[in-house]
Amino acid sequence: MHDTAHGPGRPDADECLPYYFQYIRLVPDGHILDTLEHQITESAAFLHAFTPQQALRREAPGEWNILEIVGHVADTERVFGYRALRIARADPVMWTAVEFPDYAAAANYEARPLGDVVAEYAAVRAAFVAFLRGLDAAAWARRAPADWTLRSVRAIAYAMASTALAHARANNTLTIRGVVYQL
């Protein structure tokens, strides 16, 4: 572990599948908790600029709109936060698979105002940050079994910091499930 004033440090190669590093590399240097916390207000400000019509627009039939994307990110943070809890608490039982498209279909996010969905995302992220702030060095260093896709709290924290919302402002696009949304 690399517990310094700059945070627990970046994940090592054994902390997750190589696939995740394409996203983890996108996270800027600095304390991961500060990054995660800063993204709450940054994402909310960015998303509040959308009109209701823009939030409902789909790039193609069957693709998600902004409401569903933000809801998906909130659901992802919930699931990954639970996985971080399992690792931090040394619970070796493998979690069940999650079918995020099924979650999105059942959530009916498009029936809600964008502000409500953004507030939900912000609350989920704030809870995740509060959980991480309470972890000791042992929890940050703990590893899940090698067959898990994400094997440390640190890897999960960095994966969350690299979500689409965190990077949308840089180029005014969101890429979800291989579809690029021009904002």
C-alpha atoms as a PDB file:
ATOM      1  CA  MET A   1       0.000   0.000   0.000  1.00  0.00           C
ATOM      2  CA  HIS A   2       1.079   3.571  -0.638  1.00  0.00           C
ATOM      3  CA  ASP A   3      -0.700   5.442   2.169  1.00  0.00           C
ATOM      4  CA  THR A   4       0.640   8.988   1.996  1.00  0.00           C
ATOM      5  CA  ALA A   5      -0.707  12.517   2.150  1.00  0.00           C
ATOM      6  CA  HIS A   6      -1.634  11.987  -1.488  1.00  0.00           C
ATOM      7  CA  GLY A   7      -3.928   9.091  -0.620  1.00  0.00           C
ATOM      8  CA  PRO A   8      -3.590   5.339  -0.833  1.00  0.00           C
ATOM      9  CA  GLY A   9      -1.872   5.550  -4.217  1.00  0.00           C
ATOM     10  CA  ARG A  10      -2.785   4.045  -7.545  1.00  0.00           C
ATOM     11  CA  PRO A  11      -3.756   0.389  -7.799  1.00  0.00           C
ATOM     12  CA  ASP A  12      -1.040  -2.137  -8.556  1.00  0.00           C
ATOM     13  CA  ALA A  13      -1.343  -4.621 -11.432  1.00  0.00           C
ATOM     14  CA  ASP A  14      -2.637  -7.389  -9.141  1.00  0.00           C
ATOM     15  CA  GLU A  15      -5.582  -5.355  -7.863  1.00  0.00           C
ATOM     16  CA  CYS A  16      -7.881  -5.791 -10.861  1.00  0.00           C
ATOM     17  CA  LEU A  17      -8.132  -7.230 -14.323  1.00  0.00           C
ATOM     18  CA  PRO A  18      -5.970  -5.457 -16.908  1.00  0.00           C
ATOM     19  CA  TYR A  19      -9.157  -4.229 -18.616  1.00  0.00           C
ATOM     20  CA  TYR A  20      -9.761  -1.689 -15.823  1.00  0.00           C
ATOM     21  CA  PHE A  21      -6.438   0.052 -16.283  1.00  0.00           C
ATOM     22  CA  GLN A  22      -7.637   1.710 -19.491  1.00  0.00           C
ATOM     23  CA  TYR A  23      -9.980   3.650 -17.198  1.00  0.00           C
ATOM     24  CA  ILE A  24      -7.783   3.935 -14.115  1.00  0.00           C
ATOM     25  CA  ARG A  25      -5.112   5.657 -16.236  1.00  0.00           C
ATOM     26  CA  LEU A  26      -7.617   8.453 -16.921  1.00  0.00           C
ATOM     27  CA  VAL A  27      -7.734   9.482 -13.259  1.00  0.00           C
ATOM     28  CA  PRO A  28      -5.522  12.487 -12.552  1.00  0.00           C
ATOM     29  CA  ASP A  29      -2.769  12.378  -9.950  1.00  0.00           C
ATOM     30  CA  GLY A  30      -3.670  13.484  -6.441  1.00  0.00           C
ATOM     31  CA  HIS A  31      -5.604  12.126  -3.494  1.00  0.00           C
ATOM     32  CA  ILE A  32      -8.315   9.807  -4.814  1.00  0.00           C
ATOM     33  CA  LEU A  33     -10.811  10.925  -2.169  1.00  0.00           C
ATOM     34  CA  ASP A  34     -10.390  14.566  -3.151  1.00  0.00           C
ATOM     35  CA  THR A  35     -10.889  13.592  -6.791  1.00  0.00           C
ATOM     36  CA  LEU A  36     -14.037  11.611  -6.042  1.00  0.00           C
ATOM     37  CA  GLU A  37     -15.456  14.389  -3.889  1.00  0.00           C
ATOM     38  CA  HIS A  38     -14.663  17.125  -6.414  1.00  0.00           C
ATOM     39  CA  GLN A  39     -16.426  15.150  -9.131  1.00  0.00           C
ATOM     40  CA  ILE A  40     -19.730  15.398  -7.247  1.00  0.00           C
ATOM     41  CA  THR A  41     -20.097  19.135  -7.750  1.00  0.00           C
ATOM     42  CA  GLU A  42     -18.358  19.129 -11.120  1.00  0.00           C
ATOM     43  CA  SER A  43     -20.682  16.470 -12.550  1.00  0.00           C
ATOM     44  CA  ALA A  44     -23.797  18.068 -11.057  1.00  0.00           C
ATOM     45  CA  ALA A  45     -22.924  21.472 -12.516  1.00  0.00           C
ATOM     46  CA  PHE A  46     -22.234  19.934 -15.915  1.00  0.00           C
ATOM     47  CA  LEU A  47     -25.467  17.925 -15.975  1.00  0.00           C
ATOM     48  CA  HIS A  48     -27.715  20.727 -14.734  1.00  0.00           C
ATOM     49  CA  ALA A  49     -26.957  22.586 -17.977  1.00  0.00           C
ATOM     50  CA  PHE A  50     -29.034  20.090 -19.989  1.00  0.00           C
ATOM     51  CA  THR A  51     -32.586  20.982 -20.930  1.00  0.00           C
ATOM     52  CA  PRO A  52     -35.302  18.378 -20.340  1.00  0.00           C
ATOM     53  CA  GLN A  53     -35.390  17.744 -24.093  1.00  0.00           C
ATOM     54  CA  GLN A  54     -31.629  17.209 -24.259  1.00  0.00           C
ATOM     55  CA  ALA A  55     -31.792  14.806 -21.298  1.00  0.00           C
ATOM     56  CA  LEU A  56     -34.334  12.649 -23.117  1.00  0.00           C
ATOM     57  CA  ARG A  57     -32.593  12.640 -26.511  1.00  0.00           C
ATOM     58  CA  ARG A  58     -31.264   9.304 -27.764  1.00  0.00           C
ATOM     59  CA  GLU A  59     -28.414   9.046 -30.251  1.00  0.00           C
ATOM     60  CA  ALA A  60     -30.113   6.037 -31.832  1.00  0.00           C
ATOM     61  CA  PRO A  61     -33.147   3.855 -31.137  1.00  0.00           C
ATOM     62  CA  GLY A  62     -32.504   1.603 -28.168  1.00  0.00           C
ATOM     63  CA  GLU A  63     -29.571   3.659 -26.871  1.00  0.00           C
ATOM     64  CA  TRP A  64     -29.653   5.303 -23.464  1.00  0.00           C
ATOM     65  CA  ASN A  65     -30.491   8.962 -22.973  1.00  0.00           C
ATOM     66  CA  ILE A  66     -28.737  11.232 -20.467  1.00  0.00           C
ATOM     67  CA  LEU A  67     -31.209  10.386 -17.690  1.00  0.00           C
ATOM     68  CA  GLU A  68     -30.530   6.684 -18.125  1.00  0.00           C
ATOM     69  CA  ILE A  69     -26.783   7.243 -18.322  1.00  0.00           C
ATOM     70  CA  VAL A  70     -26.737   9.196 -15.060  1.00  0.00           C
ATOM     71  CA  GLY A  71     -28.975   6.563 -13.452  1.00  0.00           C
ATOM     72  CA  HIS A  72     -26.672   3.829 -14.728  1.00  0.00           C
ATOM     73  CA  VAL A  73     -23.663   5.593 -13.193  1.00  0.00           C
ATOM     74  CA  ALA A  74     -25.521   5.869  -9.858  1.00  0.00           C
ATOM     75  CA  ASP A  75     -26.398   2.161  -9.973  1.00  0.00           C
ATOM     76  CA  THR A  76     -22.807   1.282 -10.879  1.00  0.00           C
ATOM     77  CA  GLU A  77     -21.541   3.279  -7.906  1.00  0.00           C
ATOM     78  CA  ARG A  78     -23.988   1.486  -5.621  1.00  0.00           C
ATOM     79  CA  VAL A  79     -22.879  -1.939  -6.821  1.00  0.00           C
ATOM     80  CA  PHE A  80     -19.167  -1.147  -6.808  1.00  0.00           C
ATOM     81  CA  GLY A  81     -19.507   0.546  -3.406  1.00  0.00           C
ATOM     82  CA  TYR A  82     -20.978  -2.681  -2.044  1.00  0.00           C
ATOM     83  CA  ARG A  83     -18.100  -4.605  -3.572  1.00  0.00           C
ATOM     84  CA  ALA A  84     -15.646  -2.225  -1.885  1.00  0.00           C
ATOM     85  CA  LEU A  85     -17.446  -2.839   1.409  1.00  0.00           C
ATOM     86  CA  ARG A  86     -17.083  -6.610   0.963  1.00  0.00           C
ATOM     87  CA  ILE A  87     -13.339  -6.266   0.368  1.00  0.00           C
ATOM     88  CA  ALA A  88     -12.777  -3.732   3.163  1.00  0.00           C
ATOM     89  CA  ARG A  89     -14.590  -5.949   5.653  1.00  0.00           C
ATOM     90  CA  ALA A  90     -12.630  -9.069   4.566  1.00  0.00           C
ATOM     91  CA  ASP A  91     -15.747 -10.832   3.293  1.00  0.00           C
ATOM     92  CA  PRO A  92     -14.422 -13.527   0.934  1.00  0.00           C
ATOM     93  CA  VAL A  93     -17.779 -14.496  -0.570  1.00  0.00           C
ATOM     94  CA  MET A  94     -17.927 -13.660  -4.277  1.00  0.00           C
ATOM     95  CA  TRP A  95     -20.656 -11.235  -5.265  1.00  0.00           C
ATOM     96  CA  THR A  96     -23.285 -12.118  -7.804  1.00  0.00           C
ATOM     97  CA  ALA A  97     -23.120 -10.809 -11.339  1.00  0.00           C
ATOM     98  CA  VAL A  98     -25.116  -7.692 -12.168  1.00  0.00           C
ATOM     99  CA  GLU A  99     -26.788  -7.105 -15.505  1.00  0.00           C
ATOM    100  CA  PHE A 100     -26.704  -3.315 -15.719  1.00  0.00           C
ATOM    101  CA  PRO A 101     -28.893  -3.128 -18.855  1.00  0.00           C
ATOM    102  CA  ASP A 102     -31.597  -4.969 -16.889  1.00  0.00           C
ATOM    103  CA  TYR A 103     -31.215  -2.503 -14.019  1.00  0.00           C
ATOM    104  CA  ALA A 104     -31.548   0.414 -16.426  1.00  0.00           C
ATOM    105  CA  ALA A 105     -34.655  -1.072 -18.032  1.00  0.00           C
ATOM    106  CA  ALA A 106     -36.337  -1.582 -14.648  1.00  0.00           C
ATOM    107  CA  ALA A 107     -35.362   1.796 -13.175  1.00  0.00           C
ATOM    108  CA  ASN A 108     -37.531   3.989 -15.435  1.00  0.00           C
ATOM    109  CA  TYR A 109     -35.153   6.926 -15.012  1.00  0.00           C
ATOM    110  CA  GLU A 110     -36.602   8.736 -18.006  1.00  0.00           C
ATOM    111  CA  ALA A 111     -39.848   9.306 -16.093  1.00  0.00           C
ATOM    112  CA  ARG A 112     -37.983  11.460 -13.555  1.00  0.00           C
ATOM    113  CA  PRO A 113     -36.626  14.995 -13.794  1.00  0.00           C
ATOM    114  CA  LEU A 114     -32.909  15.181 -14.524  1.00  0.00           C
ATOM    115  CA  GLY A 115     -32.306  17.176 -11.336  1.00  0.00           C
ATOM    116  CA  ASP A 116     -33.703  14.325  -9.231  1.00  0.00           C
ATOM    117  CA  VAL A 117     -31.529  11.713 -10.946  1.00  0.00           C
ATOM    118  CA  VAL A 118     -28.450  13.940 -10.604  1.00  0.00           C
ATOM    119  CA  ALA A 119     -29.222  14.476  -6.896  1.00  0.00           C
ATOM    120  CA  GLU A 120     -29.477  10.711  -6.450  1.00  0.00           C
ATOM    121  CA  TYR A 121     -26.111  10.204  -8.164  1.00  0.00           C
ATOM    122  CA  ALA A 122     -24.545  12.909  -5.961  1.00  0.00           C
ATOM    123  CA  ALA A 123     -25.926  11.278  -2.804  1.00  0.00           C
ATOM    124  CA  VAL A 124     -24.637   7.843  -3.818  1.00  0.00           C
ATOM    125  CA  ARG A 125     -21.176   9.262  -4.575  1.00  0.00           C
ATOM    126  CA  ALA A 126     -21.112  11.241  -1.305  1.00  0.00           C
ATOM    127  CA  ALA A 127     -21.946   8.078   0.637  1.00  0.00           C
ATOM    128  CA  PHE A 128     -19.153   6.210  -1.163  1.00  0.00           C
ATOM    129  CA  VAL A 129     -16.652   8.956  -0.311  1.00  0.00           C
ATOM    130  CA  ALA A 130     -17.760   8.976   3.342  1.00  0.00           C
ATOM    131  CA  PHE A 131     -17.274   5.206   3.484  1.00  0.00           C
ATOM    132  CA  LEU A 132     -13.786   5.467   1.975  1.00  0.00           C
ATOM    133  CA  ARG A 133     -12.769   8.260   4.369  1.00  0.00           C
ATOM    134  CA  GLY A 134     -13.492   5.930   7.282  1.00  0.00           C
ATOM    135  CA  LEU A 135     -11.198   3.141   6.109  1.00  0.00           C
ATOM    136  CA  ASP A 136      -7.949   2.379   7.858  1.00  0.00           C
ATOM    137  CA  ALA A 137      -4.720   1.377   6.124  1.00  0.00           C
ATOM    138  CA  ALA A 138      -5.496  -2.330   6.511  1.00  0.00           C
ATOM    139  CA  ALA A 139      -8.815  -1.985   4.656  1.00  0.00           C
ATOM    140  CA  TRP A 140      -7.139  -0.114   1.795  1.00  0.00           C
ATOM    141  CA  ALA A 141      -4.434  -2.810   1.587  1.00  0.00           C
ATOM    142  CA  ARG A 142      -6.766  -5.821   1.787  1.00  0.00           C
ATOM    143  CA  ARG A 143      -7.151  -7.958  -1.333  1.00  0.00           C
ATOM    144  CA  ALA A 144     -10.035 -10.024  -2.596  1.00  0.00           C
ATOM    145  CA  PRO A 145      -9.428 -13.457  -4.127  1.00  0.00           C
ATOM    146  CA  ALA A 146      -7.518 -13.520  -7.409  1.00  0.00           C
ATOM    147  CA  ASP A 147     -10.547 -14.600  -9.436  1.00  0.00           C
ATOM    148  CA  TRP A 148     -12.443 -11.388  -8.649  1.00  0.00           C
ATOM    149  CA  THR A 149     -12.403  -8.715 -11.365  1.00  0.00           C
ATOM    150  CA  LEU A 150     -11.721  -5.889  -8.919  1.00  0.00           C
ATOM    151  CA  ARG A 151      -9.578  -7.057  -6.014  1.00  0.00           C
ATOM    152  CA  SER A 152      -9.052  -3.991  -3.826  1.00  0.00           C
ATOM    153  CA  VAL A 153     -10.890  -0.981  -2.478  1.00  0.00           C
ATOM    154  CA  ARG A 154      -8.242   1.154  -4.132  1.00  0.00           C
ATOM    155  CA  ALA A 155      -8.980  -0.331  -7.571  1.00  0.00           C
ATOM    156  CA  ILE A 156     -12.699   0.234  -7.065  1.00  0.00           C
ATOM    157  CA  ALA A 157     -12.163   3.845  -5.971  1.00  0.00           C
ATOM    158  CA  TYR A 158     -10.111   4.555  -9.084  1.00  0.00           C
ATOM    159  CA  ALA A 159     -12.619   2.763 -11.300  1.00  0.00           C
ATOM    160  CA  MET A 160     -15.369   4.973  -9.873  1.00  0.00           C
ATOM    161  CA  ALA A 161     -13.308   8.114 -10.438  1.00  0.00           C
ATOM    162  CA  SER A 162     -12.968   7.167 -14.082  1.00  0.00           C
ATOM    163  CA  THR A 163     -16.681   6.915 -14.847  1.00  0.00           C
ATOM    164  CA  ALA A 164     -18.034   8.513 -18.000  1.00  0.00           C
ATOM    165  CA  LEU A 165     -19.428  11.510 -16.122  1.00  0.00           C
ATOM    166  CA  ALA A 166     -16.017  12.369 -14.779  1.00  0.00           C
ATOM    167  CA  HIS A 167     -14.587  12.664 -18.288  1.00  0.00           C
ATOM    168  CA  ALA A 168     -17.514  14.038 -20.214  1.00  0.00           C
ATOM    169  CA  ARG A 169     -16.552  17.642 -19.592  1.00  0.00           C
ATOM    170  CA  ALA A 170     -13.163  17.232 -21.214  1.00  0.00           C
ATOM    171  CA  ASN A 171     -14.493  16.625 -24.714  1.00  0.00           C
ATOM    172  CA  ASN A 172     -18.265  17.174 -24.428  1.00  0.00           C
ATOM    173  CA  THR A 173     -19.001  13.528 -25.147  1.00  0.00           C
ATOM    174  CA  LEU A 174     -20.133  10.545 -23.139  1.00  0.00           C
ATOM    175  CA  THR A 175     -19.274   7.038 -24.273  1.00  0.00           C
ATOM    176  CA  ILE A 176     -21.557   4.389 -22.862  1.00  0.00           C
ATOM    177  CA  ARG A 177     -21.669   0.795 -24.091  1.00  0.00           C
ATOM    178  CA  GLY A 178     -19.630   1.775 -27.146  1.00  0.00           C
ATOM    179  CA  VAL A 179     -21.936   4.610 -28.229  1.00  0.00           C
ATOM    180  CA  VAL A 180     -20.535   8.148 -28.279  1.00  0.00           C
ATOM    181  CA  TYR A 181     -23.009  10.838 -27.252  1.00  0.00           C
ATOM    182  CA  GLN A 182     -22.083  14.332 -28.447  1.00  0.00           C
ATOM    183  CA  LEU A 183     -23.180  16.841 -25.816  1.00  0.00           C
END
